[in-house]
């Protein structure tokens, strides 16, 4: 997860990114931003053109960007999930120590 992308989405900024690493998990092509093929300048130019040439889509994409970030990248929820994971590891480690 790229924190800068999550923060941009949380402000309601649709993103134009490549299909690199976890970006497709954060940006749904045509929903809350656009995705381009990695290493393909023409694909990136096409994604940027879609964004620039369709300002009528910006309000909905902005709403979807914020919605996605709040739903999937809320820090409190992420921390709670991480604590639950650590607790699970502790329980498993203790169970393995018992004779």
PDB file of N, CA and C in Angstrom:
ATOM      1  N   UNK A   1       0.842  -1.173   0.000  1.00  0.00           N
ATOM      2  CA  UNK A   1       0.000   0.000   0.000  1.00  0.00           C
ATOM      3  C   UNK A   1       0.885   1.233   0.000  1.00  0.00           C
ATOM      4  N   UNK A   2       0.596   2.125  -0.871  1.00  0.00           N
ATOM      5  CA  UNK A   2       1.330   3.376  -0.951  1.00  0.00           C
ATOM      6  C   UNK A   2       0.579   4.428  -0.147  1.00  0.00           C
ATOM      7  N   UNK A   3       1.221   4.937   0.896  1.00  0.00           N
ATOM      8  CA  UNK A   3       0.583   5.896   1.790  1.00  0.00           C
ATOM      9  C   UNK A   3       0.226   7.185   1.065  1.00  0.00           C
ATOM     10  N   UNK A   4       1.091   7.659   0.184  1.00  0.00           N
ATOM     11  CA  UNK A   4       0.809   8.897  -0.542  1.00  0.00           C
ATOM     12  C   UNK A   4      -0.455   8.751  -1.381  1.00  0.00           C
ATOM     13  N   UNK A   5      -0.642   7.596  -1.999  1.00  0.00           N
ATOM     14  CA  UNK A   5      -1.851   7.361  -2.796  1.00  0.00           C
ATOM     15  C   UNK A   5      -3.072   7.326  -1.886  1.00  0.00           C
ATOM     16  N   UNK A   6      -2.981   6.625  -0.764  1.00  0.00           N
ATOM     17  CA  UNK A   6      -4.111   6.564   0.180  1.00  0.00           C
ATOM     18  C   UNK A   6      -4.488   7.947   0.668  1.00  0.00           C
ATOM     19  N   UNK A   7      -3.479   8.755   0.965  1.00  0.00           N
ATOM     20  CA  UNK A   7      -3.744  10.108   1.447  1.00  0.00           C
ATOM     21  C   UNK A   7      -4.384  10.965   0.357  1.00  0.00           C
ATOM     22  N   UNK A   8      -3.929  10.813  -0.881  1.00  0.00           N
ATOM     23  CA  UNK A   8      -4.534  11.557  -1.989  1.00  0.00           C
ATOM     24  C   UNK A   8      -5.993  11.153  -2.158  1.00  0.00           C
ATOM     25  N   UNK A   9      -6.250   9.850  -2.135  1.00  0.00           N
ATOM     26  CA  UNK A   9      -7.624   9.371  -2.264  1.00  0.00           C
ATOM     27  C   UNK A   9      -8.488   9.885  -1.120  1.00  0.00           C
ATOM     28  N   UNK A  10      -7.924   9.915   0.083  1.00  0.00           N
ATOM     29  CA  UNK A  10      -8.680  10.372   1.250  1.00  0.00           C
ATOM     30  C   UNK A  10      -9.102  11.835   1.133  1.00  0.00           C
ATOM     31  N   UNK A  11      -8.338  12.612   0.383  1.00  0.00           N
ATOM     32  CA  UNK A  11      -8.719  14.017   0.174  1.00  0.00           C
ATOM     33  C   UNK A  11      -9.735  14.157  -0.956  1.00  0.00           C
ATOM     34  N   UNK A  12     -10.027  13.031  -1.625  1.00  0.00           N
ATOM     35  CA  UNK A  12     -10.964  13.073  -2.741  1.00  0.00           C
ATOM     36  C   UNK A  12     -10.295  13.323  -4.067  1.00  0.00           C
ATOM     37  N   UNK A  13      -8.991  13.126  -4.128  1.00  0.00           N
ATOM     38  CA  UNK A  13      -8.262  13.342  -5.371  1.00  0.00           C
ATOM     39  C   UNK A  13      -8.162  12.028  -6.146  1.00  0.00           C
ATOM     40  N   UNK A  14      -8.842  11.924  -7.283  1.00  0.00           N
ATOM     41  CA  UNK A  14      -8.677  10.728  -8.111  1.00  0.00           C
ATOM     42  C   UNK A  14      -7.225  10.657  -8.597  1.00  0.00           C
ATOM     43  N   UNK A  15      -6.687   9.460  -8.696  1.00  0.00           N
ATOM     44  CA  UNK A  15      -5.285   9.301  -9.062  1.00  0.00           C
ATOM     45  C   UNK A  15      -5.139   8.684 -10.451  1.00  0.00           C
ATOM     46  N   UNK A  16      -4.054   9.026 -11.110  1.00  0.00           N
ATOM     47  CA  UNK A  16      -3.660   8.388 -12.367  1.00  0.00           C
ATOM     48  C   UNK A  16      -2.343   7.695 -12.068  1.00  0.00           C
ATOM     49  N   UNK A  17      -2.358   6.382 -12.106  1.00  0.00           N
ATOM     50  CA  UNK A  17      -1.205   5.569 -11.709  1.00  0.00           C
ATOM     51  C   UNK A  17      -0.960   4.467 -12.729  1.00  0.00           C
ATOM     52  N   UNK A  18       0.157   3.776 -12.551  1.00  0.00           N
ATOM     53  CA  UNK A  18       0.428   2.603 -13.383  1.00  0.00           C
ATOM     54  C   UNK A  18      -0.077   1.363 -12.655  1.00  0.00           C
ATOM     55  N   UNK A  19      -0.157   0.286 -13.383  1.00  0.00           N
ATOM     56  CA  UNK A  19      -0.578  -0.999 -12.802  1.00  0.00           C
ATOM     57  C   UNK A  19       0.606  -1.663 -12.097  1.00  0.00           C
ATOM     58  N   UNK A  20       1.293  -0.925 -11.287  1.00  0.00           N
ATOM     59  CA  UNK A  20       2.486  -1.394 -10.591  1.00  0.00           C
ATOM     60  C   UNK A  20       2.122  -1.788  -9.166  1.00  0.00           C
ATOM     61  N   UNK A  21       2.693  -2.860  -8.701  1.00  0.00           N
ATOM     62  CA  UNK A  21       2.610  -3.261  -7.297  1.00  0.00           C
ATOM     63  C   UNK A  21       1.171  -3.266  -6.799  1.00  0.00           C
ATOM     64  N   UNK A  22       0.899  -2.522  -5.729  1.00  0.00           N
ATOM     65  CA  UNK A  22      -0.427  -2.519  -5.122  1.00  0.00           C
ATOM     66  C   UNK A  22      -1.339  -1.421  -5.619  1.00  0.00           C
ATOM     67  N   UNK A  23      -0.899  -0.647  -6.594  1.00  0.00           N
ATOM     68  CA  UNK A  23      -1.736   0.458  -7.081  1.00  0.00           C
ATOM     69  C   UNK A  23      -3.129  -0.005  -7.536  1.00  0.00           C
ATOM     70  N   UNK A  24      -3.239  -1.137  -8.253  1.00  0.00           N
ATOM     71  CA  UNK A  24      -4.585  -1.569  -8.655  1.00  0.00           C
ATOM     72  C   UNK A  24      -5.501  -1.917  -7.477  1.00  0.00           C
ATOM     73  N   UNK A  25      -4.924  -2.185  -6.315  1.00  0.00           N
ATOM     74  CA  UNK A  25      -5.743  -2.410  -5.119  1.00  0.00           C
ATOM     75  C   UNK A  25      -6.299  -1.097  -4.591  1.00  0.00           C
ATOM     76  N   UNK A  26      -5.587  -0.014  -4.846  1.00  0.00           N
ATOM     77  CA  UNK A  26      -5.988   1.288  -4.339  1.00  0.00           C
ATOM     78  C   UNK A  26      -6.847   2.063  -5.330  1.00  0.00           C
ATOM     79  N   UNK A  27      -6.546   1.926  -6.610  1.00  0.00           N
ATOM     80  CA  UNK A  27      -7.279   2.670  -7.630  1.00  0.00           C
ATOM     81  C   UNK A  27      -8.002   1.687  -8.538  1.00  0.00           C
ATOM     82  N   UNK A  28      -9.300   1.871  -8.636  1.00  0.00           N
ATOM     83  CA  UNK A  28     -10.128   1.062  -9.533  1.00  0.00           C
ATOM     84  C   UNK A  28     -10.299   1.873 -10.821  1.00  0.00           C
ATOM     85  N   UNK A  29      -9.763   1.323 -11.899  1.00  0.00           N
ATOM     86  CA  UNK A  29      -9.710   2.032 -13.171  1.00  0.00           C
ATOM     87  C   UNK A  29     -11.082   2.540 -13.601  1.00  0.00           C
ATOM     88  N   UNK A  30     -11.169   3.856 -13.792  1.00  0.00           N
ATOM     89  CA  UNK A  30     -12.400   4.477 -14.226  1.00  0.00           C
ATOM     90  C   UNK A  30     -13.397   4.749 -13.110  1.00  0.00           C
ATOM     91  N   UNK A  31     -13.078   4.328 -11.887  1.00  0.00           N
ATOM     92  CA  UNK A  31     -13.980   4.522 -10.749  1.00  0.00           C
ATOM     93  C   UNK A  31     -13.482   5.641  -9.848  1.00  0.00           C
ATOM     94  N   UNK A  32     -12.270   5.465  -9.317  1.00  0.00           N
ATOM     95  CA  UNK A  32     -11.694   6.493  -8.441  1.00  0.00           C
ATOM     96  C   UNK A  32     -10.342   6.979  -8.961  1.00  0.00           C
ATOM     97  N   UNK A  33     -10.116   6.751 -10.235  1.00  0.00           N
ATOM     98  CA  UNK A  33      -8.879   7.159 -10.889  1.00  0.00           C
ATOM     99  C   UNK A  33      -8.710   6.353 -12.164  1.00  0.00           C
ATOM    100  N   UNK A  34      -7.521   6.424 -12.709  1.00  0.00           N
ATOM    101  CA  UNK A  34      -7.232   5.672 -13.937  1.00  0.00           C
ATOM    102  C   UNK A  34      -5.900   4.949 -13.780  1.00  0.00           C
ATOM    103  N   UNK A  35      -5.813   3.788 -14.394  1.00  0.00           N
ATOM    104  CA  UNK A  35      -4.584   3.001 -14.375  1.00  0.00           C
ATOM    105  C   UNK A  35      -4.011   2.899 -15.778  1.00  0.00           C
ATOM    106  N   UNK A  36      -2.689   2.991 -15.856  1.00  0.00           N
ATOM    107  CA  UNK A  36      -1.973   2.860 -17.120  1.00  0.00           C
ATOM    108  C   UNK A  36      -1.035   1.667 -17.017  1.00  0.00           C
ATOM    109  N   UNK A  37      -0.651   1.150 -18.156  1.00  0.00           N
ATOM    110  CA  UNK A  37       0.291   0.038 -18.166  1.00  0.00           C
ATOM    111  C   UNK A  37       1.680   0.544 -17.772  1.00  0.00           C
ATOM    112  N   UNK A  38       2.328  -0.189 -16.920  1.00  0.00           N
ATOM    113  CA  UNK A  38       3.666   0.189 -16.454  1.00  0.00           C
ATOM    114  C   UNK A  38       4.658   0.167 -17.615  1.00  0.00           C
ATOM    115  N   UNK A  39       5.499   1.192 -17.687  1.00  0.00           N
ATOM    116  CA  UNK A  39       6.522   1.268 -18.720  1.00  0.00           C
ATOM    117  C   UNK A  39       5.978   1.595 -20.096  1.00  0.00           C
ATOM    118  N   UNK A  40       4.752   2.110 -20.147  1.00  0.00           N
ATOM    119  CA  UNK A  40       4.124   2.398 -21.418  1.00  0.00           C
ATOM    120  C   UNK A  40       3.656   3.859 -21.425  1.00  0.00           C
ATOM    121  N   UNK A  41       4.475   4.759 -21.936  1.00  0.00           N
ATOM    122  CA  UNK A  41       4.125   6.185 -21.922  1.00  0.00           C
ATOM    123  C   UNK A  41       2.823   6.492 -22.652  1.00  0.00           C
ATOM    124  N   UNK A  42       2.532   5.746 -23.725  1.00  0.00           N
ATOM    125  CA  UNK A  42       1.294   5.978 -24.462  1.00  0.00           C
ATOM    126  C   UNK A  42       0.079   5.660 -23.597  1.00  0.00           C
ATOM    127  N   UNK A  43       0.178   4.580 -22.826  1.00  0.00           N
ATOM    128  CA  UNK A  43      -0.908   4.199 -21.934  1.00  0.00           C
ATOM    129  C   UNK A  43      -1.112   5.251 -20.849  1.00  0.00           C
ATOM    130  N   UNK A  44      -0.013   5.770 -20.333  1.00  0.00           N
ATOM    131  CA  UNK A  44      -0.103   6.826 -19.317  1.00  0.00           C
ATOM    132  C   UNK A  44      -0.740   8.080 -19.919  1.00  0.00           C
ATOM    133  N   UNK A  45      -0.337   8.437 -21.138  1.00  0.00           N
ATOM    134  CA  UNK A  45      -0.910   9.606 -21.811  1.00  0.00           C
ATOM    135  C   UNK A  45      -2.415   9.418 -22.028  1.00  0.00           C
ATOM    136  N   UNK A  46      -2.822   8.207 -22.398  1.00  0.00           N
ATOM    137  CA  UNK A  46      -4.254   7.929 -22.594  1.00  0.00           C
ATOM    138  C   UNK A  46      -5.024   8.072 -21.287  1.00  0.00           C
ATOM    139  N   UNK A  47      -4.460   7.567 -20.194  1.00  0.00           N
ATOM    140  CA  UNK A  47      -5.126   7.677 -18.888  1.00  0.00           C
ATOM    141  C   UNK A  47      -5.256   9.142 -18.465  1.00  0.00           C
ATOM    142  N   UNK A  48      -4.200   9.903 -18.677  1.00  0.00           N
ATOM    143  CA  UNK A  48      -4.248  11.329 -18.335  1.00  0.00           C
ATOM    144  C   UNK A  48      -5.264  12.070 -19.202  1.00  0.00           C
ATOM    145  N   UNK A  49      -5.324  11.709 -20.489  1.00  0.00           N
ATOM    146  CA  UNK A  49      -6.293  12.331 -21.383  1.00  0.00           C
ATOM    147  C   UNK A  49      -7.730  12.029 -20.952  1.00  0.00           C
ATOM    148  N   UNK A  50      -7.982  10.780 -20.535  1.00  0.00           N
ATOM    149  CA  UNK A  50      -9.318  10.433 -20.034  1.00  0.00           C
ATOM    150  C   UNK A  50      -9.693  11.337 -18.860  1.00  0.00           C
ATOM    151  N   UNK A  51      -8.743  11.520 -17.978  1.00  0.00           N
ATOM    152  CA  UNK A  51      -8.994  12.342 -16.792  1.00  0.00           C
ATOM    153  C   UNK A  51      -9.247  13.804 -17.178  1.00  0.00           C
ATOM    154  N   UNK A  52      -8.356  14.368 -17.968  1.00  0.00           N
ATOM    155  CA  UNK A  52      -8.443  15.784 -18.342  1.00  0.00           C
ATOM    156  C   UNK A  52      -9.649  16.068 -19.241  1.00  0.00           C
ATOM    157  N   UNK A  53      -9.953  15.163 -20.144  1.00  0.00           N
ATOM    158  CA  UNK A  53     -11.018  15.404 -21.121  1.00  0.00           C
ATOM    159  C   UNK A  53     -12.430  15.114 -20.616  1.00  0.00           C
ATOM    160  N   UNK A  54     -12.552  14.639 -19.387  1.00  0.00           N
ATOM    161  CA  UNK A  54     -13.880  14.318 -18.857  1.00  0.00           C
ATOM    162  C   UNK A  54     -14.089  14.919 -17.470  1.00  0.00           C
ATOM    163  N   UNK A  55     -14.075  16.240 -17.378  1.00  0.00           N
ATOM    164  CA  UNK A  55     -14.264  16.883 -16.075  1.00  0.00           C
ATOM    165  C   UNK A  55     -15.638  16.610 -15.467  1.00  0.00           C
ATOM    166  N   UNK A  56     -16.604  16.220 -16.288  1.00  0.00           N
ATOM    167  CA  UNK A  56     -17.925  15.893 -15.753  1.00  0.00           C
ATOM    168  C   UNK A  56     -17.889  14.666 -14.838  1.00  0.00           C
ATOM    169  N   UNK A  57     -16.846  13.848 -14.970  1.00  0.00           N
ATOM    170  CA  UNK A  57     -16.702  12.645 -14.132  1.00  0.00           C
ATOM    171  C   UNK A  57     -15.985  12.934 -12.816  1.00  0.00           C
ATOM    172  N   UNK A  58     -15.335  14.076 -12.711  1.00  0.00           N
ATOM    173  CA  UNK A  58     -14.517  14.381 -11.544  1.00  0.00           C
ATOM    174  C   UNK A  58     -15.280  14.330 -10.216  1.00  0.00           C
ATOM    175  N   UNK A  59     -16.474  14.911 -10.114  1.00  0.00           N
ATOM    176  CA  UNK A  59     -17.159  14.869  -8.811  1.00  0.00           C
ATOM    177  C   UNK A  59     -17.445  13.442  -8.325  1.00  0.00           C
ATOM    178  N   UNK A  60     -17.907  12.582  -9.228  1.00  0.00           N
ATOM    179  CA  UNK A  60     -18.197  11.201  -8.831  1.00  0.00           C
ATOM    180  C   UNK A  60     -16.910  10.442  -8.514  1.00  0.00           C
ATOM    181  N   UNK A  61     -15.876  10.647  -9.320  1.00  0.00           N
ATOM    182  CA  UNK A  61     -14.601   9.983  -9.053  1.00  0.00           C
ATOM    183  C   UNK A  61     -14.020  10.463  -7.729  1.00  0.00           C
ATOM    184  N   UNK A  62     -14.174  11.731  -7.453  1.00  0.00           N
ATOM    185  CA  UNK A  62     -13.690  12.293  -6.197  1.00  0.00           C
ATOM    186  C   UNK A  62     -14.414  11.650  -5.012  1.00  0.00           C
ATOM    187  N   UNK A  63     -15.729  11.520  -5.142  1.00  0.00           N
ATOM    188  CA  UNK A  63     -16.511  10.892  -4.075  1.00  0.00           C
ATOM    189  C   UNK A  63     -16.083   9.439  -3.873  1.00  0.00           C
ATOM    190  N   UNK A  64     -15.879   8.731  -4.974  1.00  0.00           N
ATOM    191  CA  UNK A  64     -15.467   7.327  -4.910  1.00  0.00           C
ATOM    192  C   UNK A  64     -14.054   7.184  -4.338  1.00  0.00           C
ATOM    193  N   UNK A  65     -13.171   8.130  -4.666  1.00  0.00           N
ATOM    194  CA  UNK A  65     -11.804   8.094  -4.137  1.00  0.00           C
ATOM    195  C   UNK A  65     -11.834   8.199  -2.619  1.00  0.00           C
ATOM    196  N   UNK A  66     -12.567   9.181  -2.124  1.00  0.00           N
ATOM    197  CA  UNK A  66     -12.673   9.379  -0.664  1.00  0.00           C
ATOM    198  C   UNK A  66     -13.336   8.179  -0.009  1.00  0.00           C
ATOM    199  N   UNK A  67     -14.406   7.699  -0.598  1.00  0.00           N
ATOM    200  CA  UNK A  67     -15.134   6.544  -0.061  1.00  0.00           C
ATOM    201  C   UNK A  67     -14.218   5.325   0.048  1.00  0.00           C
ATOM    202  N   UNK A  68     -13.444   5.070  -0.998  1.00  0.00           N
ATOM    203  CA  UNK A  68     -12.530   3.916  -0.998  1.00  0.00           C
ATOM    204  C   UNK A  68     -11.474   4.051   0.103  1.00  0.00           C
ATOM    205  N   UNK A  69     -10.908   5.235   0.234  1.00  0.00           N
ATOM    206  CA  UNK A  69      -9.867   5.450   1.248  1.00  0.00           C
ATOM    207  C   UNK A  69     -10.423   5.276   2.652  1.00  0.00           C
ATOM    208  N   UNK A  70     -11.570   5.845   2.914  1.00  0.00           N
ATOM    209  CA  UNK A  70     -12.166   5.736   4.251  1.00  0.00           C
ATOM    210  C   UNK A  70     -12.509   4.292   4.570  1.00  0.00           C
ATOM    211  N   UNK A  71     -13.032   3.579   3.593  1.00  0.00           N
ATOM    212  CA  UNK A  71     -13.430   2.189   3.805  1.00  0.00           C
ATOM    213  C   UNK A  71     -12.238   1.257   3.991  1.00  0.00           C
ATOM    214  N   UNK A  72     -11.175   1.469   3.228  1.00  0.00           N
ATOM    215  CA  UNK A  72     -10.068   0.510   3.220  1.00  0.00           C
ATOM    216  C   UNK A  72      -8.807   0.953   3.944  1.00  0.00           C
ATOM    217  N   UNK A  73      -8.632   2.245   4.175  1.00  0.00           N
ATOM    218  CA  UNK A  73      -7.354   2.711   4.713  1.00  0.00           C
ATOM    219  C   UNK A  73      -7.485   3.569   5.964  1.00  0.00           C
ATOM    220  N   UNK A  74      -8.605   3.448   6.662  1.00  0.00           N
ATOM    221  CA  UNK A  74      -8.762   4.173   7.916  1.00  0.00           C
ATOM    222  C   UNK A  74      -7.701   3.677   8.900  1.00  0.00           C
ATOM    223  N   UNK A  75      -6.884   4.581   9.413  1.00  0.00           N
ATOM    224  CA  UNK A  75      -5.761   4.186  10.278  1.00  0.00           C
ATOM    225  C   UNK A  75      -6.218   3.431  11.517  1.00  0.00           C
ATOM    226  N   UNK A  76      -7.302   3.878  12.115  1.00  0.00           N
ATOM    227  CA  UNK A  76      -7.786   3.213  13.325  1.00  0.00           C
ATOM    228  C   UNK A  76      -8.153   1.763  13.022  1.00  0.00           C
ATOM    229  N   UNK A  77      -8.853   1.542  11.915  1.00  0.00           N
ATOM    230  CA  UNK A  77      -9.238   0.180  11.546  1.00  0.00           C
ATOM    231  C   UNK A  77      -8.016  -0.668  11.198  1.00  0.00           C
ATOM    232  N   UNK A  78      -7.037  -0.067  10.515  1.00  0.00           N
ATOM    233  CA  UNK A  78      -5.824  -0.808  10.171  1.00  0.00           C
ATOM    234  C   UNK A  78      -5.039  -1.203  11.412  1.00  0.00           C
ATOM    235  N   UNK A  79      -4.952  -0.288  12.372  1.00  0.00           N
ATOM    236  CA  UNK A  79      -4.235  -0.577  13.616  1.00  0.00           C
ATOM    237  C   UNK A  79      -4.957  -1.666  14.394  1.00  0.00           C
ATOM    238  N   UNK A  80      -6.277  -1.578  14.484  1.00  0.00           N
ATOM    239  CA  UNK A  80      -7.043  -2.607  15.182  1.00  0.00           C
ATOM    240  C   UNK A  80      -6.848  -3.973  14.542  1.00  0.00           C
ATOM    241  N   UNK A  81      -6.831  -4.027  13.230  1.00  0.00           N
ATOM    242  CA  UNK A  81      -6.617  -5.293  12.521  1.00  0.00           C
ATOM    243  C   UNK A  81      -5.216  -5.834  12.794  1.00  0.00           C
ATOM    244  N   UNK A  82      -4.235  -4.940  12.845  1.00  0.00           N
ATOM    245  CA  UNK A  82      -2.869  -5.369  13.114  1.00  0.00           C
ATOM    246  C   UNK A  82      -2.747  -5.901  14.541  1.00  0.00           C
ATOM    247  N   UNK A  83      -3.385  -5.255  15.496  1.00  0.00           N
ATOM    248  CA  UNK A  83      -3.354  -5.720  16.888  1.00  0.00           C
ATOM    249  C   UNK A  83      -3.989  -7.105  16.979  1.00  0.00           C
ATOM    250  N   UNK A  84      -5.122  -7.308  16.292  1.00  0.00           N
ATOM    251  CA  UNK A  84      -5.767  -8.632  16.301  1.00  0.00           C
ATOM    252  C   UNK A  84      -4.836  -9.693  15.718  1.00  0.00           C
ATOM    253  N   UNK A  85      -4.107  -9.339  14.677  1.00  0.00           N
ATOM    254  CA  UNK A  85      -3.169 -10.270  14.067  1.00  0.00           C
ATOM    255  C   UNK A  85      -2.051 -10.634  15.042  1.00  0.00           C
ATOM    256  N   UNK A  86      -1.491  -9.625  15.710  1.00  0.00           N
ATOM    257  CA  UNK A  86      -0.446  -9.882  16.710  1.00  0.00           C
ATOM    258  C   UNK A  86      -0.974 -10.761  17.839  1.00  0.00           C
ATOM    259  N   UNK A  87      -2.185 -10.482  18.291  1.00  0.00           N
ATOM    260  CA  UNK A  87      -2.774 -11.294  19.356  1.00  0.00           C
ATOM    261  C   UNK A  87      -2.919 -12.747  18.918  1.00  0.00           C
ATOM    262  N   UNK A  88      -3.300 -12.959  17.672  1.00  0.00           N
ATOM    263  CA  UNK A  88      -3.425 -14.309  17.134  1.00  0.00           C
ATOM    264  C   UNK A  88      -2.064 -15.014  17.142  1.00  0.00           C
ATOM    265  N   UNK A  89      -0.996 -14.287  16.764  1.00  0.00           N
ATOM    266  CA  UNK A  89       0.343 -14.867  16.776  1.00  0.00           C
ATOM    267  C   UNK A  89       0.761 -15.251  18.185  1.00  0.00           C
ATOM    268  N   UNK A  90       0.440 -14.421  19.162  1.00  0.00           N
ATOM    269  CA  UNK A  90       0.792 -14.705  20.556  1.00  0.00           C
ATOM    270  C   UNK A  90       0.067 -15.959  21.021  1.00  0.00           C
ATOM    271  N   UNK A  91      -1.217 -16.073  20.726  1.00  0.00           N
ATOM    272  CA  UNK A  91      -1.988 -17.254  21.121  1.00  0.00           C
ATOM    273  C   UNK A  91      -1.391 -18.509  20.485  1.00  0.00           C
ATOM    274  N   UNK A  92      -1.059 -18.430  19.202  1.00  0.00           N
ATOM    275  CA  UNK A  92      -0.466 -19.580  18.518  1.00  0.00           C
ATOM    276  C   UNK A  92       0.887 -19.942  19.106  1.00  0.00           C
ATOM    277  N   UNK A  93       1.712 -18.941  19.407  1.00  0.00           N
ATOM    278  CA  UNK A  93       3.047 -19.207  19.976  1.00  0.00           C
ATOM    279  C   UNK A  93       2.912 -19.854  21.350  1.00  0.00           C
ATOM    280  N   UNK A  94       1.980 -19.389  22.165  1.00  0.00           N
ATOM    281  CA  UNK A  94       1.765 -19.980  23.485  1.00  0.00           C
ATOM    282  C   UNK A  94       1.268 -21.421  23.372  1.00  0.00           C
ATOM    283  N   UNK A  95       0.420 -21.676  22.397  1.00  0.00           N
ATOM    284  CA  UNK A  95      -0.114 -23.031  22.197  1.00  0.00           C
ATOM    285  C   UNK A  95       0.990 -23.993  21.789  1.00  0.00           C
ATOM    286  N   UNK A  96       1.953 -23.512  21.017  1.00  0.00           N
ATOM    287  CA  UNK A  96       3.072 -24.365  20.595  1.00  0.00           C
ATOM    288  C   UNK A  96       4.022 -24.670  21.739  1.00  0.00           C
ATOM    289  N   UNK A  97       4.102 -23.801  22.739  1.00  0.00           N
ATOM    290  CA  UNK A  97       5.009 -23.998  23.879  1.00  0.00           C
ATOM    291  C   UNK A  97       4.474 -25.044  24.847  1.00  0.00           C
ATOM    292  N   UNK A  98       3.156 -25.248  24.895  1.00  0.00           N
ATOM    293  CA  UNK A  98       2.576 -26.198  25.842  1.00  0.00           C
ATOM    294  C   UNK A  98       2.975 -27.610  25.458  1.00  0.00           C
ATOM    295  N   UNK A  99       3.295 -28.414  26.481  1.00  0.00           N
ATOM    296  CA  UNK A  99       3.717 -29.809  26.211  1.00  0.00           C
ATOM    297  C   UNK A  99       2.600 -30.695  25.714  1.00  0.00           C
TER     298      UNK A  99
END
